[in-house]
N, C-alpha and C. Protein backbone atom coordinates (compact mmCIF):
# COMPACT_ATOMS: atom_id res chain seq x y z
N MET A 1 0.84 -1.20 0.00
CA MET A 1 0.00 0.00 0.00
C MET A 1 0.87 1.25 0.00
N SER A 2 0.54 2.18 -0.84
CA SER A 2 1.26 3.44 -0.93
C SER A 2 0.53 4.51 -0.13
N LYS A 3 1.29 5.45 0.42
CA LYS A 3 0.72 6.55 1.21
C LYS A 3 0.78 7.82 0.37
N ILE A 4 -0.38 8.47 0.21
CA ILE A 4 -0.48 9.62 -0.68
C ILE A 4 -1.09 10.80 0.05
N LEU A 5 -0.39 11.93 0.02
CA LEU A 5 -0.89 13.20 0.55
C LEU A 5 -1.36 14.05 -0.61
N ILE A 6 -2.62 14.51 -0.55
CA ILE A 6 -3.14 15.44 -1.55
C ILE A 6 -3.28 16.80 -0.90
N VAL A 7 -2.66 17.81 -1.50
CA VAL A 7 -2.75 19.17 -1.00
C VAL A 7 -3.59 19.98 -1.97
N ASN A 8 -4.75 20.44 -1.51
CA ASN A 8 -5.62 21.30 -2.32
C ASN A 8 -5.21 22.75 -2.06
N GLY A 9 -4.55 23.37 -3.04
CA GLY A 9 -4.01 24.71 -2.88
C GLY A 9 -4.91 25.81 -3.42
N THR A 10 -6.20 25.55 -3.54
CA THR A 10 -7.13 26.52 -4.11
C THR A 10 -7.37 27.70 -3.17
N GLN A 11 -7.42 28.89 -3.73
CA GLN A 11 -7.91 30.07 -3.03
C GLN A 11 -9.31 30.37 -3.56
N PRO A 12 -10.36 30.18 -2.76
CA PRO A 12 -11.72 30.43 -3.26
C PRO A 12 -11.98 31.92 -3.51
N TYR A 13 -12.64 32.21 -4.62
CA TYR A 13 -13.14 33.55 -4.94
C TYR A 13 -14.63 33.44 -5.25
N GLU A 14 -15.33 34.57 -5.19
CA GLU A 14 -16.75 34.55 -5.49
C GLU A 14 -17.01 34.06 -6.90
N PHE A 15 -16.17 34.49 -7.84
CA PHE A 15 -16.36 34.10 -9.24
C PHE A 15 -15.77 32.72 -9.54
N ALA A 16 -14.96 32.20 -8.61
CA ALA A 16 -14.31 30.89 -8.79
C ALA A 16 -14.14 30.26 -7.42
N PRO A 17 -15.20 29.65 -6.88
CA PRO A 17 -15.15 29.14 -5.50
C PRO A 17 -14.29 27.90 -5.30
N GLY A 18 -13.78 27.33 -6.38
CA GLY A 18 -12.88 26.19 -6.23
C GLY A 18 -13.55 24.84 -6.32
N GLN A 19 -14.76 24.80 -6.86
CA GLN A 19 -15.50 23.53 -6.91
C GLN A 19 -14.81 22.49 -7.79
N LEU A 20 -14.24 22.92 -8.92
CA LEU A 20 -13.59 21.96 -9.81
C LEU A 20 -12.39 21.34 -9.14
N ASN A 21 -11.54 22.13 -8.54
CA ASN A 21 -10.36 21.58 -7.86
C ASN A 21 -10.76 20.70 -6.69
N ALA A 22 -11.80 21.10 -5.95
CA ALA A 22 -12.29 20.25 -4.86
C ALA A 22 -12.81 18.92 -5.39
N SER A 23 -13.49 18.97 -6.54
CA SER A 23 -14.00 17.74 -7.15
C SER A 23 -12.86 16.84 -7.60
N LEU A 24 -11.80 17.43 -8.15
CA LEU A 24 -10.64 16.63 -8.56
C LEU A 24 -9.97 16.00 -7.35
N VAL A 25 -9.89 16.73 -6.26
CA VAL A 25 -9.33 16.16 -5.03
C VAL A 25 -10.14 14.97 -4.56
N GLU A 26 -11.47 15.11 -4.56
CA GLU A 26 -12.32 14.01 -4.11
C GLU A 26 -12.23 12.80 -5.05
N ARG A 27 -12.15 13.07 -6.35
CA ARG A 27 -11.99 11.96 -7.30
C ARG A 27 -10.67 11.25 -7.05
N ALA A 28 -9.62 12.02 -6.80
CA ALA A 28 -8.32 11.41 -6.52
C ALA A 28 -8.38 10.60 -5.23
N ARG A 29 -8.98 11.17 -4.20
CA ARG A 29 -9.10 10.45 -2.93
C ARG A 29 -9.84 9.12 -3.12
N ASN A 30 -10.97 9.18 -3.78
CA ASN A 30 -11.80 7.99 -3.94
C ASN A 30 -11.14 6.95 -4.86
N THR A 31 -10.58 7.43 -5.98
CA THR A 31 -9.95 6.52 -6.93
C THR A 31 -8.75 5.83 -6.32
N LEU A 32 -7.90 6.60 -5.64
CA LEU A 32 -6.68 6.03 -5.08
C LEU A 32 -6.98 5.13 -3.89
N ALA A 33 -7.97 5.50 -3.07
CA ALA A 33 -8.36 4.64 -1.96
C ALA A 33 -8.90 3.31 -2.47
N ALA A 34 -9.69 3.38 -3.56
CA ALA A 34 -10.23 2.15 -4.14
C ALA A 34 -9.12 1.26 -4.70
N MET A 35 -8.00 1.86 -5.07
CA MET A 35 -6.86 1.10 -5.57
C MET A 35 -6.00 0.53 -4.43
N GLY A 36 -6.35 0.87 -3.20
CA GLY A 36 -5.64 0.32 -2.05
C GLY A 36 -4.66 1.26 -1.39
N HIS A 37 -4.62 2.51 -1.82
CA HIS A 37 -3.69 3.47 -1.24
C HIS A 37 -4.27 4.10 0.02
N ASP A 38 -3.41 4.52 0.90
CA ASP A 38 -3.79 5.27 2.10
C ASP A 38 -3.67 6.75 1.75
N VAL A 39 -4.78 7.49 1.83
CA VAL A 39 -4.82 8.85 1.32
C VAL A 39 -5.18 9.85 2.43
N ARG A 40 -4.42 10.92 2.50
CA ARG A 40 -4.74 12.05 3.37
C ARG A 40 -4.91 13.29 2.50
N VAL A 41 -5.75 14.22 2.95
CA VAL A 41 -6.00 15.45 2.21
C VAL A 41 -5.82 16.65 3.13
N THR A 42 -5.10 17.65 2.64
CA THR A 42 -5.03 18.95 3.29
C THR A 42 -5.66 19.98 2.35
N THR A 43 -6.65 20.71 2.87
CA THR A 43 -7.24 21.83 2.13
C THR A 43 -6.67 23.11 2.71
N VAL A 44 -5.77 23.72 1.97
CA VAL A 44 -4.98 24.83 2.50
C VAL A 44 -5.86 25.98 3.00
N ALA A 45 -6.92 26.30 2.26
CA ALA A 45 -7.78 27.43 2.63
C ALA A 45 -8.51 27.20 3.94
N ASP A 46 -8.60 25.95 4.41
CA ASP A 46 -9.26 25.64 5.68
C ASP A 46 -8.33 25.82 6.87
N GLY A 47 -7.05 26.09 6.61
CA GLY A 47 -6.08 26.24 7.67
C GLY A 47 -5.24 24.98 7.84
N TYR A 48 -4.09 25.12 8.48
CA TYR A 48 -3.16 24.00 8.63
C TYR A 48 -2.14 24.35 9.70
N ASP A 49 -1.48 23.33 10.20
CA ASP A 49 -0.36 23.48 11.11
C ASP A 49 0.91 23.13 10.36
N ALA A 50 1.87 24.03 10.32
CA ALA A 50 3.06 23.84 9.48
C ALA A 50 3.83 22.58 9.88
N ASN A 51 4.00 22.33 11.17
CA ASN A 51 4.74 21.14 11.59
C ASN A 51 3.99 19.86 11.22
N ALA A 52 2.67 19.89 11.35
CA ALA A 52 1.88 18.72 10.97
C ALA A 52 2.00 18.45 9.48
N GLU A 53 2.09 19.52 8.68
CA GLU A 53 2.22 19.35 7.23
C GLU A 53 3.60 18.82 6.86
N VAL A 54 4.63 19.24 7.57
CA VAL A 54 5.95 18.65 7.34
C VAL A 54 5.91 17.16 7.65
N ASP A 55 5.27 16.81 8.77
CA ASP A 55 5.15 15.40 9.13
C ASP A 55 4.36 14.63 8.08
N ALA A 56 3.32 15.27 7.49
CA ALA A 56 2.53 14.62 6.45
C ALA A 56 3.38 14.35 5.21
N HIS A 57 4.27 15.28 4.88
CA HIS A 57 5.19 15.06 3.75
C HIS A 57 6.14 13.89 4.05
N LEU A 58 6.58 13.78 5.30
CA LEU A 58 7.46 12.67 5.66
C LEU A 58 6.70 11.35 5.63
N TRP A 59 5.43 11.37 6.00
CA TRP A 59 4.59 10.17 5.99
C TRP A 59 4.35 9.67 4.57
N ALA A 60 4.15 10.60 3.65
CA ALA A 60 3.70 10.25 2.29
C ALA A 60 4.81 9.65 1.45
N ASP A 61 4.40 8.72 0.58
CA ASP A 61 5.28 8.26 -0.49
C ASP A 61 5.17 9.18 -1.71
N THR A 62 3.97 9.76 -1.89
CA THR A 62 3.72 10.67 -3.01
C THR A 62 2.89 11.84 -2.52
N VAL A 63 3.22 13.03 -3.00
CA VAL A 63 2.43 14.24 -2.71
C VAL A 63 1.80 14.71 -4.02
N ILE A 64 0.48 14.82 -4.04
CA ILE A 64 -0.23 15.39 -5.18
C ILE A 64 -0.59 16.83 -4.82
N MET A 65 -0.17 17.76 -5.66
CA MET A 65 -0.47 19.18 -5.46
C MET A 65 -1.53 19.59 -6.47
N GLN A 66 -2.73 19.89 -5.97
CA GLN A 66 -3.87 20.25 -6.81
C GLN A 66 -4.15 21.74 -6.65
N PHE A 67 -4.14 22.46 -7.77
CA PHE A 67 -4.39 23.90 -7.66
C PHE A 67 -4.75 24.50 -9.02
N PRO A 68 -5.50 25.61 -8.99
CA PRO A 68 -5.70 26.38 -10.22
C PRO A 68 -4.48 27.26 -10.46
N VAL A 69 -4.11 27.44 -11.70
CA VAL A 69 -3.01 28.35 -12.02
C VAL A 69 -3.56 29.77 -12.04
N ASN A 70 -3.10 30.58 -11.10
CA ASN A 70 -3.54 31.97 -10.98
C ASN A 70 -2.38 32.90 -11.35
N TRP A 71 -2.58 33.71 -12.36
CA TRP A 71 -1.54 34.65 -12.79
C TRP A 71 -0.19 33.96 -12.96
N MET A 72 -0.22 32.85 -13.67
CA MET A 72 0.95 32.07 -14.09
C MET A 72 1.66 31.38 -12.93
N GLY A 73 1.01 31.28 -11.79
CA GLY A 73 1.63 30.60 -10.66
C GLY A 73 0.59 30.01 -9.73
N VAL A 74 1.00 29.69 -8.52
CA VAL A 74 0.08 29.11 -7.55
C VAL A 74 -0.74 30.22 -6.89
N PRO A 75 -1.95 29.92 -6.41
CA PRO A 75 -2.72 30.91 -5.66
C PRO A 75 -1.95 31.37 -4.42
N TRP A 76 -2.23 32.60 -4.00
CA TRP A 76 -1.44 33.19 -2.91
C TRP A 76 -1.53 32.37 -1.63
N VAL A 77 -2.69 31.76 -1.35
CA VAL A 77 -2.82 30.98 -0.13
C VAL A 77 -1.93 29.73 -0.18
N PHE A 78 -1.72 29.19 -1.37
CA PHE A 78 -0.83 28.04 -1.52
C PHE A 78 0.62 28.48 -1.43
N LYS A 79 0.94 29.64 -1.97
CA LYS A 79 2.31 30.18 -1.83
C LYS A 79 2.64 30.40 -0.36
N LYS A 80 1.66 30.89 0.41
CA LYS A 80 1.86 31.06 1.85
C LYS A 80 2.13 29.72 2.52
N TYR A 81 1.37 28.70 2.14
CA TYR A 81 1.59 27.35 2.66
C TYR A 81 3.01 26.89 2.35
N ILE A 82 3.42 27.07 1.10
CA ILE A 82 4.77 26.66 0.69
C ILE A 82 5.82 27.39 1.53
N ASP A 83 5.66 28.71 1.66
CA ASP A 83 6.62 29.48 2.44
C ASP A 83 6.71 28.99 3.88
N GLU A 84 5.56 28.75 4.48
CA GLU A 84 5.55 28.38 5.90
C GLU A 84 5.94 26.92 6.13
N VAL A 85 5.38 26.01 5.35
CA VAL A 85 5.64 24.59 5.58
C VAL A 85 7.05 24.22 5.15
N TYR A 86 7.44 24.64 3.97
CA TYR A 86 8.76 24.27 3.47
C TYR A 86 9.86 24.91 4.31
N THR A 87 9.66 26.14 4.75
CA THR A 87 10.66 26.78 5.60
C THR A 87 10.77 26.06 6.94
N THR A 88 9.63 25.65 7.49
CA THR A 88 9.65 24.89 8.74
C THR A 88 10.42 23.59 8.58
N GLY A 89 10.29 22.96 7.41
CA GLY A 89 10.95 21.68 7.15
C GLY A 89 12.42 21.78 6.85
N MET A 90 12.96 23.00 6.80
CA MET A 90 14.39 23.16 6.54
C MET A 90 15.24 22.91 7.78
N ASP A 91 14.61 22.37 8.82
CA ASP A 91 15.34 22.02 10.04
C ASP A 91 16.02 20.66 9.93
N GLY A 92 16.02 20.09 8.71
CA GLY A 92 16.61 18.78 8.49
C GLY A 92 15.59 17.73 8.10
N ARG A 93 14.31 18.03 8.29
CA ARG A 93 13.29 17.05 7.95
C ARG A 93 13.04 16.98 6.45
N LEU A 94 12.98 18.12 5.78
CA LEU A 94 12.78 18.14 4.33
C LEU A 94 14.09 18.35 3.58
N CYS A 95 15.02 19.04 4.20
CA CYS A 95 16.34 19.21 3.59
C CYS A 95 17.36 19.52 4.66
N ALA A 96 18.60 19.19 4.36
CA ALA A 96 19.72 19.48 5.24
C ALA A 96 20.53 20.60 4.61
N GLY A 97 20.05 21.83 4.74
CA GLY A 97 20.69 22.96 4.08
C GLY A 97 20.37 22.96 2.59
N ASP A 98 21.11 23.76 1.84
CA ASP A 98 20.85 23.89 0.40
C ASP A 98 21.81 23.08 -0.46
N GLY A 99 22.61 22.23 0.18
CA GLY A 99 23.51 21.36 -0.57
C GLY A 99 24.94 21.85 -0.66
N ARG A 100 25.15 23.12 -0.37
CA ARG A 100 26.52 23.65 -0.44
C ARG A 100 27.25 23.40 0.87
N THR A 101 28.57 23.47 0.82
CA THR A 101 29.40 23.31 2.02
C THR A 101 30.31 24.51 2.17
N THR A 102 30.86 24.65 3.35
CA THR A 102 31.80 25.76 3.57
C THR A 102 33.05 25.59 2.72
N ASP A 103 33.40 24.36 2.41
CA ASP A 103 34.58 24.11 1.58
C ASP A 103 34.31 24.39 0.10
N ALA A 104 33.04 24.29 -0.31
CA ALA A 104 32.68 24.52 -1.72
C ALA A 104 31.37 25.31 -1.77
N PRO A 105 31.44 26.60 -1.45
CA PRO A 105 30.21 27.38 -1.30
C PRO A 105 29.54 27.80 -2.61
N LYS A 106 30.17 27.51 -3.73
CA LYS A 106 29.63 27.97 -5.01
C LYS A 106 29.02 26.85 -5.86
N VAL A 107 29.06 25.62 -5.37
CA VAL A 107 28.59 24.49 -6.18
C VAL A 107 27.57 23.66 -5.41
N ASN A 108 26.80 22.89 -6.17
CA ASN A 108 25.84 21.93 -5.63
C ASN A 108 24.65 22.58 -4.93
N TYR A 109 24.34 23.82 -5.28
CA TYR A 109 23.14 24.44 -4.72
C TYR A 109 21.91 23.60 -5.08
N GLY A 110 21.01 23.44 -4.12
CA GLY A 110 19.76 22.74 -4.36
C GLY A 110 19.84 21.24 -4.21
N THR A 111 20.92 20.73 -3.65
CA THR A 111 21.10 19.27 -3.55
C THR A 111 21.06 18.77 -2.10
N GLY A 112 20.46 19.55 -1.21
CA GLY A 112 20.44 19.15 0.19
C GLY A 112 19.17 18.43 0.62
N GLY A 113 18.29 18.11 -0.33
CA GLY A 113 17.02 17.49 0.00
C GLY A 113 17.16 16.15 0.67
N THR A 114 16.20 15.83 1.55
CA THR A 114 16.23 14.57 2.30
C THR A 114 15.03 13.67 1.98
N LEU A 115 14.24 14.01 0.95
CA LEU A 115 13.06 13.22 0.61
C LEU A 115 13.33 12.28 -0.57
N ASN A 116 14.52 11.75 -0.63
CA ASN A 116 14.87 10.81 -1.69
C ASN A 116 13.91 9.63 -1.70
N GLY A 117 13.47 9.25 -2.88
CA GLY A 117 12.55 8.13 -3.01
C GLY A 117 11.10 8.53 -3.00
N LYS A 118 10.80 9.74 -2.58
CA LYS A 118 9.42 10.23 -2.59
C LYS A 118 9.10 10.87 -3.93
N LYS A 119 7.85 10.81 -4.32
CA LYS A 119 7.42 11.36 -5.60
C LYS A 119 6.38 12.45 -5.39
N TYR A 120 6.15 13.21 -6.45
CA TYR A 120 5.11 14.24 -6.42
C TYR A 120 4.45 14.32 -7.78
N MET A 121 3.22 14.81 -7.78
CA MET A 121 2.47 15.02 -9.02
C MET A 121 1.76 16.35 -8.95
N LEU A 122 1.89 17.14 -9.99
CA LEU A 122 1.14 18.39 -10.11
C LEU A 122 -0.14 18.11 -10.89
N SER A 123 -1.25 18.63 -10.38
CA SER A 123 -2.53 18.55 -11.08
C SER A 123 -3.14 19.95 -11.05
N VAL A 124 -3.33 20.53 -12.22
CA VAL A 124 -3.65 21.95 -12.30
C VAL A 124 -4.84 22.20 -13.22
N THR A 125 -5.48 23.34 -13.00
CA THR A 125 -6.56 23.79 -13.87
C THR A 125 -6.21 25.15 -14.45
N PHE A 126 -6.58 25.35 -15.72
CA PHE A 126 -6.26 26.57 -16.44
C PHE A 126 -7.51 27.21 -17.04
N ASN A 127 -7.51 28.52 -17.11
CA ASN A 127 -8.43 29.22 -18.00
C ASN A 127 -7.91 29.15 -19.43
N ALA A 128 -6.62 29.08 -19.60
CA ALA A 128 -6.00 29.02 -20.93
C ALA A 128 -6.38 27.72 -21.64
N PRO A 129 -6.55 27.77 -22.96
CA PRO A 129 -6.82 26.54 -23.71
C PRO A 129 -5.54 25.73 -23.90
N LYS A 130 -5.72 24.45 -24.13
CA LYS A 130 -4.59 23.57 -24.37
C LYS A 130 -3.75 24.04 -25.55
N GLU A 131 -4.43 24.62 -26.55
CA GLU A 131 -3.75 25.05 -27.78
C GLU A 131 -2.80 26.22 -27.56
N ALA A 132 -2.88 26.86 -26.39
CA ALA A 132 -1.97 27.98 -26.10
C ALA A 132 -0.55 27.50 -25.79
N PHE A 133 -0.41 26.20 -25.49
CA PHE A 133 0.88 25.65 -25.10
C PHE A 133 1.51 24.84 -26.23
N ASP A 134 2.81 24.68 -26.16
CA ASP A 134 3.56 23.80 -27.06
C ASP A 134 3.41 24.20 -28.53
N ASP A 135 3.24 25.47 -28.76
CA ASP A 135 3.03 25.97 -30.14
C ASP A 135 3.76 27.30 -30.28
N GLU A 136 4.85 27.28 -31.01
CA GLU A 136 5.66 28.50 -31.16
C GLU A 136 4.93 29.61 -31.90
N SER A 137 3.87 29.28 -32.64
CA SER A 137 3.12 30.32 -33.34
C SER A 137 2.15 31.05 -32.41
N GLU A 138 1.90 30.49 -31.23
CA GLU A 138 1.05 31.17 -30.26
C GLU A 138 1.90 32.19 -29.51
N PRO A 139 1.53 33.47 -29.55
CA PRO A 139 2.45 34.52 -29.10
C PRO A 139 2.70 34.57 -27.59
N PHE A 140 1.74 34.15 -26.78
CA PHE A 140 1.93 34.37 -25.34
C PHE A 140 2.94 33.40 -24.74
N PHE A 141 2.68 32.10 -24.80
CA PHE A 141 3.61 31.12 -24.24
C PHE A 141 4.75 30.78 -25.19
N ALA A 142 4.59 31.11 -26.46
CA ALA A 142 5.67 31.03 -27.45
C ALA A 142 6.36 29.66 -27.47
N GLY A 143 5.54 28.61 -27.43
CA GLY A 143 6.09 27.27 -27.50
C GLY A 143 6.33 26.61 -26.16
N ALA A 144 6.18 27.34 -25.07
CA ALA A 144 6.41 26.76 -23.75
C ALA A 144 5.33 25.75 -23.41
N SER A 145 5.70 24.78 -22.62
CA SER A 145 4.77 23.74 -22.18
C SER A 145 4.18 24.09 -20.82
N VAL A 146 3.21 23.29 -20.41
CA VAL A 146 2.66 23.44 -19.06
C VAL A 146 3.76 23.28 -18.02
N ASP A 147 4.61 22.29 -18.19
CA ASP A 147 5.67 22.07 -17.21
C ASP A 147 6.73 23.17 -17.24
N ASP A 148 6.92 23.80 -18.39
CA ASP A 148 7.80 24.97 -18.43
C ASP A 148 7.23 26.07 -17.54
N LEU A 149 5.93 26.31 -17.65
CA LEU A 149 5.29 27.35 -16.84
C LEU A 149 5.37 27.01 -15.35
N LEU A 150 5.26 25.73 -15.03
CA LEU A 150 5.25 25.28 -13.64
C LEU A 150 6.65 24.98 -13.10
N ALA A 151 7.66 25.44 -13.80
CA ALA A 151 9.04 25.14 -13.39
C ALA A 151 9.34 25.49 -11.93
N PRO A 152 8.86 26.61 -11.38
CA PRO A 152 9.15 26.88 -9.96
C PRO A 152 8.64 25.79 -9.02
N MET A 153 7.46 25.23 -9.32
CA MET A 153 6.94 24.15 -8.47
C MET A 153 7.78 22.89 -8.61
N HIS A 154 8.21 22.59 -9.83
CA HIS A 154 9.09 21.44 -10.01
C HIS A 154 10.41 21.63 -9.29
N LEU A 155 10.94 22.84 -9.32
CA LEU A 155 12.21 23.10 -8.64
C LEU A 155 12.06 23.06 -7.13
N ASN A 156 10.92 23.51 -6.61
CA ASN A 156 10.67 23.39 -5.17
C ASN A 156 10.76 21.93 -4.74
N ALA A 157 10.09 21.06 -5.49
CA ALA A 157 10.11 19.63 -5.15
C ALA A 157 11.51 19.05 -5.33
N LYS A 158 12.20 19.46 -6.38
CA LYS A 158 13.56 18.97 -6.61
C LYS A 158 14.50 19.40 -5.49
N PHE A 159 14.26 20.57 -4.92
CA PHE A 159 15.08 21.07 -3.81
C PHE A 159 15.05 20.09 -2.64
N PHE A 160 13.93 19.37 -2.51
CA PHE A 160 13.80 18.39 -1.43
C PHE A 160 14.09 16.97 -1.91
N ALA A 161 14.56 16.83 -3.15
CA ALA A 161 14.99 15.54 -3.74
C ALA A 161 13.81 14.64 -4.10
N MET A 162 12.65 15.23 -4.35
CA MET A 162 11.49 14.45 -4.78
C MET A 162 11.53 14.24 -6.29
N GLN A 163 10.90 13.15 -6.74
CA GLN A 163 10.92 12.79 -8.16
C GLN A 163 9.54 13.04 -8.77
N PRO A 164 9.49 13.60 -10.00
CA PRO A 164 8.20 13.96 -10.59
C PRO A 164 7.46 12.78 -11.22
N LEU A 165 6.15 12.82 -11.09
CA LEU A 165 5.25 12.00 -11.88
C LEU A 165 4.65 12.90 -12.95
N THR A 166 3.99 12.32 -13.94
CA THR A 166 3.47 13.10 -15.06
C THR A 166 2.39 14.07 -14.60
N THR A 167 2.51 15.32 -15.02
CA THR A 167 1.56 16.38 -14.68
C THR A 167 0.22 16.15 -15.35
N PHE A 168 -0.85 16.48 -14.63
CA PHE A 168 -2.19 16.50 -15.22
C PHE A 168 -2.66 17.94 -15.31
N ALA A 169 -3.34 18.28 -16.42
CA ALA A 169 -3.88 19.63 -16.58
C ALA A 169 -5.26 19.57 -17.21
N ALA A 170 -6.16 20.39 -16.69
CA ALA A 170 -7.48 20.64 -17.29
C ALA A 170 -7.46 22.06 -17.84
N PHE A 171 -7.88 22.23 -19.09
CA PHE A 171 -7.73 23.51 -19.78
C PHE A 171 -9.09 24.18 -20.02
N ASP A 172 -9.01 25.52 -20.20
CA ASP A 172 -10.18 26.30 -20.65
C ASP A 172 -11.39 26.04 -19.76
N VAL A 173 -11.17 25.96 -18.46
CA VAL A 173 -12.22 25.48 -17.57
C VAL A 173 -13.27 26.53 -17.24
N MET A 174 -13.01 27.78 -17.61
CA MET A 174 -13.99 28.83 -17.33
C MET A 174 -14.79 29.22 -18.57
N LYS A 175 -14.13 29.38 -19.70
CA LYS A 175 -14.84 29.84 -20.90
C LYS A 175 -15.39 28.71 -21.75
N ASN A 176 -14.69 27.59 -21.78
CA ASN A 176 -15.12 26.45 -22.61
C ASN A 176 -14.89 25.15 -21.86
N PRO A 177 -15.57 24.96 -20.75
CA PRO A 177 -15.31 23.78 -19.93
C PRO A 177 -15.79 22.49 -20.58
N GLU A 178 -15.02 21.43 -20.36
CA GLU A 178 -15.39 20.07 -20.74
C GLU A 178 -15.15 19.19 -19.52
N ILE A 179 -15.93 19.46 -18.48
CA ILE A 179 -15.64 18.91 -17.16
C ILE A 179 -15.72 17.39 -17.13
N GLU A 180 -16.76 16.82 -17.72
CA GLU A 180 -16.89 15.36 -17.68
C GLU A 180 -15.72 14.70 -18.41
N ALA A 181 -15.31 15.30 -19.51
CA ALA A 181 -14.15 14.75 -20.23
C ALA A 181 -12.88 14.90 -19.39
N ASP A 182 -12.76 16.02 -18.68
CA ASP A 182 -11.61 16.21 -17.80
C ASP A 182 -11.61 15.17 -16.68
N PHE A 183 -12.78 14.92 -16.11
CA PHE A 183 -12.87 13.91 -15.05
C PHE A 183 -12.44 12.54 -15.57
N ALA A 184 -12.89 12.19 -16.76
CA ALA A 184 -12.53 10.89 -17.34
C ALA A 184 -11.03 10.81 -17.58
N ARG A 185 -10.42 11.89 -18.10
CA ARG A 185 -8.98 11.91 -18.32
C ARG A 185 -8.22 11.81 -17.00
N PHE A 186 -8.74 12.49 -15.98
CA PHE A 186 -8.09 12.49 -14.67
C PHE A 186 -8.12 11.11 -14.05
N ASP A 187 -9.27 10.46 -14.11
CA ASP A 187 -9.37 9.10 -13.57
C ASP A 187 -8.37 8.17 -14.26
N ALA A 188 -8.32 8.26 -15.58
CA ALA A 188 -7.39 7.42 -16.34
C ALA A 188 -5.94 7.75 -16.00
N HIS A 189 -5.65 9.04 -15.84
CA HIS A 189 -4.29 9.48 -15.48
C HIS A 189 -3.88 8.89 -14.14
N LEU A 190 -4.77 8.95 -13.16
CA LEU A 190 -4.46 8.42 -11.84
C LEU A 190 -4.22 6.91 -11.90
N LYS A 191 -5.10 6.22 -12.61
CA LYS A 191 -4.98 4.76 -12.67
C LYS A 191 -3.70 4.33 -13.37
N THR A 192 -3.34 5.06 -14.43
CA THR A 192 -2.10 4.74 -15.13
C THR A 192 -0.88 5.09 -14.28
N THR A 193 -0.90 6.26 -13.67
CA THR A 193 0.26 6.75 -12.92
C THR A 193 0.53 5.91 -11.69
N PHE A 194 -0.53 5.45 -11.03
CA PHE A 194 -0.36 4.73 -9.77
C PHE A 194 -0.60 3.23 -9.91
N ALA A 195 -0.63 2.75 -11.15
CA ALA A 195 -0.94 1.34 -11.38
C ALA A 195 0.11 0.42 -10.79
N GLU A 196 1.37 0.85 -10.78
CA GLU A 196 2.44 -0.05 -10.34
C GLU A 196 2.34 -0.36 -8.85
N VAL A 197 1.56 0.43 -8.11
CA VAL A 197 1.41 0.16 -6.68
C VAL A 197 -0.05 -0.11 -6.35
N GLU A 198 -0.81 -0.54 -7.33
CA GLU A 198 -2.22 -0.84 -7.08
C GLU A 198 -2.34 -2.01 -6.12
N HIS A 199 -3.29 -1.85 -5.18
CA HIS A 199 -3.52 -2.90 -4.19
C HIS A 199 -4.24 -4.08 -4.82
N VAL A 200 -3.73 -5.26 -4.57
CA VAL A 200 -4.38 -6.47 -5.07
C VAL A 200 -4.89 -7.24 -3.86
N PRO A 201 -6.22 -7.39 -3.71
CA PRO A 201 -6.76 -8.09 -2.55
C PRO A 201 -6.23 -9.52 -2.45
N ALA A 202 -6.03 -9.98 -1.25
CA ALA A 202 -5.54 -11.36 -1.04
C ALA A 202 -6.64 -12.37 -1.35
């Protein structure tokens, strides 16, 4: 059985209360539990204890980070969580310094992570259409991918020595939503991604 922490990093707004991301979290919880995984969920907007969240990261084999992309990054409430939880974990639980030494202060930055063997998965929702990415003729992202845009989140996880799983993205969720199709893709993504540790009843 694998242990999975899901962090819902949504910041609710009147025009976007976070129902889609909450639904994706519940689908992930239910799908993964049915596969035999032990699942915990933190909803950042409901409040949290930083030390308890560090302990949850240590408990988990995989951390799923679920959030809407707001202004090309994570919602501010999730950034606050990252600042508080990750900084708290720099006491040796999530990393042992930044990887540099007094003998070699200019090399190996970012290699002090202590979560070797743990994995993470980003699951995000966009107002942008899928066609805006991976296309050099599109002027805004200019050929950049979803993972290019999410590079800071990937680097945060890499700082702690975590390994990436394939990112999931739902696109155009406000102007041209295809929610049922997104749910079906998400279910399939979870089953494929976590199949190697699927629980088989005795």
